[in-house]
C-alpha atoms as a PDB file:
ATOM      1  CA  MET A   1       0.000   0.000   0.000  1.00  0.00           C
ATOM      2  CA  PRO A   2       1.489   3.359  -0.992  1.00  0.00           C
ATOM      3  CA  SER A   3       1.986   6.097   1.554  1.00  0.00           C
ATOM      4  CA  PHE A   4       1.821   9.833   1.000  1.00  0.00           C
ATOM      5  CA  ASN A   5       3.836  12.686   2.483  1.00  0.00           C
ATOM      6  CA  ARG A   6       2.886  16.341   2.284  1.00  0.00           C
ATOM      7  CA  VAL A   7       5.359  19.186   2.686  1.00  0.00           C
ATOM      8  CA  ILE A   8       4.187  22.794   2.999  1.00  0.00           C
ATOM      9  CA  VAL A   9       6.669  25.656   3.256  1.00  0.00           C
ATOM     10  CA  MET A  10       5.205  29.081   4.062  1.00  0.00           C
ATOM     11  CA  GLY A  11       7.119  32.184   5.067  1.00  0.00           C
ATOM     12  CA  ASN A  12       8.656  35.483   4.018  1.00  0.00           C
ATOM     13  CA  LEU A  13      11.629  36.010   1.733  1.00  0.00           C
ATOM     14  CA  THR A  14      14.733  37.144   3.613  1.00  0.00           C
ATOM     15  CA  ARG A  15      16.498  38.561   0.539  1.00  0.00           C
ATOM     16  CA  ASP A  16      15.798  39.403  -3.097  1.00  0.00           C
ATOM     17  CA  PRO A  17      15.959  36.359  -5.397  1.00  0.00           C
ATOM     18  CA  ASP A  18      19.175  35.775  -7.340  1.00  0.00           C
ATOM     19  CA  VAL A  19      18.548  34.535 -10.915  1.00  0.00           C
ATOM     20  CA  ARG A  20      21.427  32.977 -12.869  1.00  0.00           C
ATOM     21  CA  GLU A  21      21.854  31.029 -16.065  1.00  0.00           C
ATOM     22  CA  VAL A  22      23.646  27.711 -15.587  1.00  0.00           C
ATOM     23  CA  GLY A  23      24.834  24.954 -17.882  1.00  0.00           C
ATOM     24  CA  MET A  24      25.344  24.827 -21.604  1.00  0.00           C
ATOM     25  CA  ASN A  25      21.608  25.234 -22.231  1.00  0.00           C
ATOM     26  CA  ALA A  26      21.512  28.437 -20.122  1.00  0.00           C
ATOM     27  CA  VAL A  27      18.759  27.163 -17.804  1.00  0.00           C
ATOM     28  CA  LYS A  28      17.641  29.894 -15.402  1.00  0.00           C
ATOM     29  CA  VAL A  29      17.908  29.066 -11.707  1.00  0.00           C
ATOM     30  CA  CYS A  30      16.514  31.313  -8.999  1.00  0.00           C
ATOM     31  CA  ARG A  31      17.916  31.093  -5.462  1.00  0.00           C
ATOM     32  CA  PHE A  32      16.295  32.684  -2.410  1.00  0.00           C
ATOM     33  CA  SER A  33      15.771  32.110   1.300  1.00  0.00           C
ATOM     34  CA  VAL A  34      12.510  31.874   3.258  1.00  0.00           C
ATOM     35  CA  ALA A  35      12.061  32.533   6.999  1.00  0.00           C
ATOM     36  CA  MET A  36       9.322  30.669   8.877  1.00  0.00           C
ATOM     37  CA  ASN A  37       8.257  31.098  12.500  1.00  0.00           C
ATOM     38  CA  GLU A  38       7.014  28.357  14.777  1.00  0.00           C
ATOM     39  CA  ARG A  39       5.029  29.604  17.758  1.00  0.00           C
ATOM     40  CA  ARG A  40       5.292  27.771  21.068  1.00  0.00           C
ATOM     41  CA  LYS A  41       4.646  28.441  24.707  1.00  0.00           C
ATOM     42  CA  ASP A  42       7.520  28.226  27.121  1.00  0.00           C
ATOM     43  CA  ARG A  43       7.281  26.797  30.645  1.00  0.00           C
ATOM     44  CA  ASN A  44       5.891  30.068  31.984  1.00  0.00           C
ATOM     45  CA  GLY A  45       3.138  30.232  29.364  1.00  0.00           C
ATOM     46  CA  ASN A  46       4.759  33.016  27.327  1.00  0.00           C
ATOM     47  CA  VAL A  47       4.436  32.725  23.555  1.00  0.00           C
ATOM     48  CA  ILE A  48       7.804  32.589  21.768  1.00  0.00           C
ATOM     49  CA  ASP A  49       8.670  32.510  18.054  1.00  0.00           C
ATOM     50  CA  ILE A  50      11.317  30.063  16.860  1.00  0.00           C
ATOM     51  CA  PRO A  51      12.653  31.036  13.406  1.00  0.00           C
ATOM     52  CA  THR A  52      13.597  28.483  10.757  1.00  0.00           C
ATOM     53  CA  PHE A  53      15.364  29.437   7.527  1.00  0.00           C
ATOM     54  CA  VAL A  54      14.952  27.426   4.313  1.00  0.00           C
ATOM     55  CA  ASP A  55      17.088  27.903   1.190  1.00  0.00           C
ATOM     56  CA  VAL A  56      15.142  27.412  -2.054  1.00  0.00           C
ATOM     57  CA  ASP A  57      16.365  26.797  -5.621  1.00  0.00           C
ATOM     58  CA  ALA A  58      13.790  27.038  -8.426  1.00  0.00           C
ATOM     59  CA  GLY A  59      14.762  26.103 -11.941  1.00  0.00           C
ATOM     60  CA  ASP A  60      13.668  26.620 -15.522  1.00  0.00           C
ATOM     61  CA  LYS A  61      10.340  28.450 -15.980  1.00  0.00           C
ATOM     62  CA  ARG A  62       9.625  28.530 -12.232  1.00  0.00           C
ATOM     63  CA  GLY A  63      13.005  30.149 -11.706  1.00  0.00           C
ATOM     64  CA  GLU A  64      12.162  32.890 -14.190  1.00  0.00           C
ATOM     65  CA  LEU A  65       8.789  33.539 -12.557  1.00  0.00           C
ATOM     66  CA  CYS A  66      10.242  33.619  -9.034  1.00  0.00           C
ATOM     67  CA  GLY A  67      12.880  36.129 -10.100  1.00  0.00           C
ATOM     68  CA  GLN A  68      10.257  38.253 -11.790  1.00  0.00           C
ATOM     69  CA  TYR A  69       7.593  38.410  -9.061  1.00  0.00           C
ATOM     70  CA  LEU A  70       9.260  37.718  -5.701  1.00  0.00           C
ATOM     71  CA  LYS A  71      10.980  40.393  -3.630  1.00  0.00           C
ATOM     72  CA  LYS A  72      12.446  40.568  -0.122  1.00  0.00           C
ATOM     73  CA  GLY A  73       9.719  40.562   2.545  1.00  0.00           C
ATOM     74  CA  ARG A  74       6.992  39.051   0.357  1.00  0.00           C
ATOM     75  CA  SER A  75       5.021  36.059   1.562  1.00  0.00           C
ATOM     76  CA  TRP A  76       5.642  32.785  -0.245  1.00  0.00           C
ATOM     77  CA  ALA A  77       4.094  29.305  -0.019  1.00  0.00           C
ATOM     78  CA  TRP A  78       4.902  25.983  -1.667  1.00  0.00           C
ATOM     79  CA  ALA A  79       3.225  22.597  -1.302  1.00  0.00           C
ATOM     80  CA  LEU A  80       4.470  19.187  -2.410  1.00  0.00           C
ATOM     81  CA  LEU A  81       2.729  15.821  -2.277  1.00  0.00           C
ATOM     82  CA  CYS A  82       4.970  12.751  -2.593  1.00  0.00           C
ATOM     83  CA  SER A  83       3.990   9.115  -2.796  1.00  0.00           C
ATOM     84  CA  SER A  84       6.076   6.062  -2.103  1.00  0.00           C
ATOM     85  CA  SER A  85       5.247   2.433  -2.654  1.00  0.00           C
END
């Protein structure tokens, strides 16, 4: 029976995307970083934010679009559904 995993990354860009052409075919690759906060309560009941930073590389057409529309501080979300047998 196959199983499914879902990954959702949501956060704000920490810097402007960097678009470069790589390889002999000049494929565009966009590199940027996303900051996410996880909210928890500490032992005293105070709410604290724990930041997590994720580096993202988007290639080909997605790389072009990310470089065109994303800027530092903008919200960004990505979802992926994987199956394994």
